[in-house]
Amino acid sequence: MVAFEPNPFSCRVQVHNFNLNAVTDQVLPLCLDAGANTEATVLSLNGIGLQVLAFRLDDLAAIEGIPAPTHVKIDVDGIEAAILEGAKSLLSGPGVKSVLIEMLTHDDAAQARITPLLGECGLKPVDLPDDGSDNRLFTHVTRA
């Protein structure tokens, strides 16, 4: 499993939790951002701009040693569509079985692009019981 956390302070806590739960041999924590482009960018932390590296997931997946995902969970606030734009090849590939995405973006135009973007990758929405969350599950129809 690969876990992304661009905030270095949160990344430190995340790694500590992996250690407490004895899963450090199962998780590759990366203190990186994900986005539509591979570039240096600015992460806003309580009004403070912190320079971080953002990677298109398609670019990151091409690096040897980074395991290919079978299931993807995206829990970000507002850049869901940008992350999906940078992951089209990865999400269209044979290994990805499902994408669970928290649809909390406040940008209606970006939210409206999410389902079509995933559709371009061959992923279709799955009807889930309404549990009050904003999580949406998408799966490849022909894959188990």
C-alpha atoms as a PDB file:
ATOM      1  CA  MET A   1       0.000   0.000   0.000  1.00  0.00           C
ATOM      2  CA  VAL A   2       1.148   3.553  -0.734  1.00  0.00           C
ATOM      3  CA  ALA A   3      -0.015   6.468   1.431  1.00  0.00           C
ATOM      4  CA  PHE A   4       0.369  10.091   0.315  1.00  0.00           C
ATOM      5  CA  GLU A   5       0.476  12.977   2.756  1.00  0.00           C
ATOM      6  CA  PRO A   6       1.930  16.280   1.535  1.00  0.00           C
ATOM      7  CA  ASN A   7       1.886  17.956   4.955  1.00  0.00           C
ATOM      8  CA  PRO A   8       5.210  16.988   6.589  1.00  0.00           C
ATOM      9  CA  PHE A   9       3.768  17.390  10.090  1.00  0.00           C
ATOM     10  CA  SER A  10       0.849  15.063   9.323  1.00  0.00           C
ATOM     11  CA  CYS A  11       3.157  12.689   7.465  1.00  0.00           C
ATOM     12  CA  ARG A  12       5.237  12.303  10.614  1.00  0.00           C
ATOM     13  CA  VAL A  13       2.107  11.399  12.606  1.00  0.00           C
ATOM     14  CA  GLN A  14       0.999   9.022   9.863  1.00  0.00           C
ATOM     15  CA  VAL A  15       4.329   7.165   9.951  1.00  0.00           C
ATOM     16  CA  HIS A  16       4.134   7.006  13.757  1.00  0.00           C
ATOM     17  CA  ASN A  17       0.646   5.448  13.482  1.00  0.00           C
ATOM     18  CA  PHE A  18       1.903   2.917  10.941  1.00  0.00           C
ATOM     19  CA  ASN A  19       4.614   1.968  13.428  1.00  0.00           C
ATOM     20  CA  LEU A  20       2.129   1.704  16.332  1.00  0.00           C
ATOM     21  CA  ASN A  21      -0.073  -0.563  14.228  1.00  0.00           C
ATOM     22  CA  ALA A  22       2.896  -2.674  13.080  1.00  0.00           C
ATOM     23  CA  VAL A  23       2.226  -2.097   9.369  1.00  0.00           C
ATOM     24  CA  THR A  24       5.430  -0.296   8.386  1.00  0.00           C
ATOM     25  CA  ASP A  25       6.406  -3.308   6.262  1.00  0.00           C
ATOM     26  CA  GLN A  26       3.071  -3.090   4.402  1.00  0.00           C
ATOM     27  CA  VAL A  27       2.854   0.653   3.703  1.00  0.00           C
ATOM     28  CA  LEU A  28       5.062   2.966   1.667  1.00  0.00           C
ATOM     29  CA  PRO A  29       4.459   6.454   3.112  1.00  0.00           C
ATOM     30  CA  LEU A  30       5.258   9.294   0.715  1.00  0.00           C
ATOM     31  CA  CYS A  31       5.415  12.900   1.833  1.00  0.00           C
ATOM     32  CA  LEU A  32       4.183  14.077  -1.566  1.00  0.00           C
ATOM     33  CA  ASP A  33       1.144  15.744  -3.068  1.00  0.00           C
ATOM     34  CA  ALA A  34      -0.880  14.327  -5.952  1.00  0.00           C
ATOM     35  CA  GLY A  35      -2.218  16.484  -8.756  1.00  0.00           C
ATOM     36  CA  ALA A  36      -2.808  17.080 -12.440  1.00  0.00           C
ATOM     37  CA  ASN A  37       0.885  17.909 -13.021  1.00  0.00           C
ATOM     38  CA  THR A  38       4.257  16.788 -11.721  1.00  0.00           C
ATOM     39  CA  GLU A  39       5.715  19.979 -10.310  1.00  0.00           C
ATOM     40  CA  ALA A  40       6.767  21.948  -7.279  1.00  0.00           C
ATOM     41  CA  THR A  41       3.674  23.566  -5.829  1.00  0.00           C
ATOM     42  CA  VAL A  42       2.547  25.389  -2.709  1.00  0.00           C
ATOM     43  CA  LEU A  43       0.510  23.733   0.024  1.00  0.00           C
ATOM     44  CA  SER A  44      -1.410  26.174   2.195  1.00  0.00           C
ATOM     45  CA  LEU A  45      -1.186  25.260   5.869  1.00  0.00           C
ATOM     46  CA  ASN A  46      -3.255  27.632   7.985  1.00  0.00           C
ATOM     47  CA  GLY A  47      -2.328  30.548   5.740  1.00  0.00           C
ATOM     48  CA  ILE A  48       1.324  29.580   5.487  1.00  0.00           C
ATOM     49  CA  GLY A  49       2.577  28.544   2.046  1.00  0.00           C
ATOM     50  CA  LEU A  50       4.802  25.470   2.124  1.00  0.00           C
ATOM     51  CA  GLN A  51       6.548  24.286  -1.045  1.00  0.00           C
ATOM     52  CA  VAL A  52       5.926  20.612  -1.759  1.00  0.00           C
ATOM     53  CA  LEU A  53       6.363  18.223  -4.662  1.00  0.00           C
ATOM     54  CA  ALA A  54       3.215  17.175  -6.492  1.00  0.00           C
ATOM     55  CA  PHE A  55       3.157  14.188  -8.800  1.00  0.00           C
ATOM     56  CA  ARG A  56       0.756  13.022 -11.449  1.00  0.00           C
ATOM     57  CA  LEU A  57      -0.101   9.530 -10.273  1.00  0.00           C
ATOM     58  CA  ASP A  58       0.594   8.355 -13.834  1.00  0.00           C
ATOM     59  CA  ASP A  59       4.177   9.660 -13.507  1.00  0.00           C
ATOM     60  CA  LEU A  60       4.649   8.190 -10.039  1.00  0.00           C
ATOM     61  CA  ALA A  61       3.353   4.779 -11.160  1.00  0.00           C
ATOM     62  CA  ALA A  62       6.155   4.665 -13.749  1.00  0.00           C
ATOM     63  CA  ILE A  63       8.856   4.779 -11.045  1.00  0.00           C
ATOM     64  CA  GLU A  64      10.344   1.377 -10.322  1.00  0.00           C
ATOM     65  CA  GLY A  65       9.620   0.189  -6.788  1.00  0.00           C
ATOM     66  CA  ILE A  66       6.298   2.015  -6.430  1.00  0.00           C
ATOM     67  CA  PRO A  67       3.672  -0.711  -6.162  1.00  0.00           C
ATOM     68  CA  ALA A  68       0.760  -0.521  -8.595  1.00  0.00           C
ATOM     69  CA  PRO A  69      -2.558  -0.019  -6.810  1.00  0.00           C
ATOM     70  CA  THR A  70      -5.521  -2.345  -6.976  1.00  0.00           C
ATOM     71  CA  HIS A  71      -7.777  -0.077  -4.916  1.00  0.00           C
ATOM     72  CA  VAL A  72      -7.530   3.721  -4.698  1.00  0.00           C
ATOM     73  CA  LYS A  73      -8.935   5.940  -1.932  1.00  0.00           C
ATOM     74  CA  ILE A  74      -8.967   9.693  -2.547  1.00  0.00           C
ATOM     75  CA  ASP A  75      -9.747  11.885   0.445  1.00  0.00           C
ATOM     76  CA  VAL A  76      -8.779  15.463  -0.376  1.00  0.00           C
ATOM     77  CA  ASP A  77     -10.627  18.731  -0.178  1.00  0.00           C
ATOM     78  CA  GLY A  78     -11.159  20.338  -3.551  1.00  0.00           C
ATOM     79  CA  ILE A  79      -8.549  18.848  -5.891  1.00  0.00           C
ATOM     80  CA  GLU A  80     -10.245  15.530  -6.645  1.00  0.00           C
ATOM     81  CA  ALA A  81     -10.677  16.266 -10.366  1.00  0.00           C
ATOM     82  CA  ALA A  82      -7.053  17.422 -10.703  1.00  0.00           C
ATOM     83  CA  ILE A  83      -5.779  14.197  -9.141  1.00  0.00           C
ATOM     84  CA  LEU A  84      -7.969  12.139 -11.474  1.00  0.00           C
ATOM     85  CA  GLU A  85      -6.720  14.115 -14.503  1.00  0.00           C
ATOM     86  CA  GLY A  86      -3.182  13.098 -13.573  1.00  0.00           C
ATOM     87  CA  ALA A  87      -4.111   9.442 -13.070  1.00  0.00           C
ATOM     88  CA  LYS A  88      -6.066   8.518 -16.212  1.00  0.00           C
ATOM     89  CA  SER A  89      -3.589   5.899 -17.465  1.00  0.00           C
ATOM     90  CA  LEU A  90      -3.153   4.371 -14.021  1.00  0.00           C
ATOM     91  CA  LEU A  91      -6.913   4.174 -13.394  1.00  0.00           C
ATOM     92  CA  SER A  92      -7.552   2.757 -16.868  1.00  0.00           C
ATOM     93  CA  GLY A  93      -4.984   0.021 -16.381  1.00  0.00           C
ATOM     94  CA  PRO A  94      -5.698  -3.625 -15.695  1.00  0.00           C
ATOM     95  CA  GLY A  95      -4.714  -3.570 -12.027  1.00  0.00           C
ATOM     96  CA  VAL A  96      -7.119  -1.008 -10.575  1.00  0.00           C
ATOM     97  CA  LYS A  97     -10.323  -2.670  -9.420  1.00  0.00           C
ATOM     98  CA  SER A  98     -11.961   0.205  -7.547  1.00  0.00           C
ATOM     99  CA  VAL A  99     -11.762   3.873  -6.629  1.00  0.00           C
ATOM    100  CA  LEU A 100     -13.368   5.230  -3.470  1.00  0.00           C
ATOM    101  CA  ILE A 101     -13.533   8.995  -3.544  1.00  0.00           C
ATOM    102  CA  GLU A 102     -14.826  11.446  -0.977  1.00  0.00           C
ATOM    103  CA  MET A 103     -16.783  13.991  -2.996  1.00  0.00           C
ATOM    104  CA  LEU A 104     -16.372  16.986  -0.718  1.00  0.00           C
ATOM    105  CA  THR A 105     -15.187  19.509  -3.245  1.00  0.00           C
ATOM    106  CA  HIS A 106     -17.090  22.788  -3.030  1.00  0.00           C
ATOM    107  CA  ASP A 107     -16.388  23.501  -6.686  1.00  0.00           C
ATOM    108  CA  ASP A 108     -19.553  22.303  -8.440  1.00  0.00           C
ATOM    109  CA  ALA A 109     -17.887  22.315 -11.872  1.00  0.00           C
ATOM    110  CA  ALA A 110     -15.007  20.149 -10.574  1.00  0.00           C
ATOM    111  CA  GLN A 111     -17.416  17.780  -8.842  1.00  0.00           C
ATOM    112  CA  ALA A 112     -19.436  17.452 -12.049  1.00  0.00           C
ATOM    113  CA  ARG A 113     -16.231  16.343 -13.864  1.00  0.00           C
ATOM    114  CA  ILE A 114     -15.403  13.517 -11.448  1.00  0.00           C
ATOM    115  CA  THR A 115     -17.889  10.887 -12.648  1.00  0.00           C
ATOM    116  CA  PRO A 116     -17.150  11.513 -16.369  1.00  0.00           C
ATOM    117  CA  LEU A 117     -13.378  11.419 -15.697  1.00  0.00           C
ATOM    118  CA  LEU A 118     -13.703   8.067 -13.982  1.00  0.00           C
ATOM    119  CA  GLY A 119     -16.017   6.909 -16.777  1.00  0.00           C
ATOM    120  CA  GLU A 120     -13.254   7.661 -19.307  1.00  0.00           C
ATOM    121  CA  CYS A 121     -11.110   5.219 -17.322  1.00  0.00           C
ATOM    122  CA  GLY A 122     -13.771   2.516 -17.522  1.00  0.00           C
ATOM    123  CA  LEU A 123     -14.969   2.999 -13.944  1.00  0.00           C
ATOM    124  CA  LYS A 124     -18.681   3.105 -13.182  1.00  0.00           C
ATOM    125  CA  PRO A 125     -20.399   4.297  -9.989  1.00  0.00           C
ATOM    126  CA  VAL A 126     -21.712   1.651  -7.604  1.00  0.00           C
ATOM    127  CA  ASP A 127     -24.908   2.291  -5.687  1.00  0.00           C
ATOM    128  CA  LEU A 128     -24.134   2.187  -1.983  1.00  0.00           C
ATOM    129  CA  PRO A 129     -26.535   2.431   0.940  1.00  0.00           C
ATOM    130  CA  ASP A 130     -26.870   6.045   2.081  1.00  0.00           C
ATOM    131  CA  ASP A 131     -24.704   6.223   5.189  1.00  0.00           C
ATOM    132  CA  GLY A 132     -24.603  10.006   5.314  1.00  0.00           C
ATOM    133  CA  SER A 133     -21.054  10.179   3.956  1.00  0.00           C
ATOM    134  CA  ASP A 134     -19.934  11.783   0.720  1.00  0.00           C
ATOM    135  CA  ASN A 135     -18.006   8.676  -0.350  1.00  0.00           C
ATOM    136  CA  ARG A 136     -18.641   7.321  -3.844  1.00  0.00           C
ATOM    137  CA  LEU A 137     -17.382   3.966  -5.066  1.00  0.00           C
ATOM    138  CA  PHE A 138     -16.441   3.326  -8.695  1.00  0.00           C
ATOM    139  CA  THR A 139     -15.458  -0.065 -10.089  1.00  0.00           C
ATOM    140  CA  HIS A 140     -14.424  -1.575 -13.393  1.00  0.00           C
ATOM    141  CA  VAL A 141     -17.510  -3.434 -14.523  1.00  0.00           C
ATOM    142  CA  THR A 142     -15.645  -6.399 -15.999  1.00  0.00           C
ATOM    143  CA  ARG A 143     -13.205  -6.846 -13.095  1.00  0.00           C
ATOM    144  CA  ALA A 144     -13.734  -8.736  -9.851  1.00  0.00           C
END
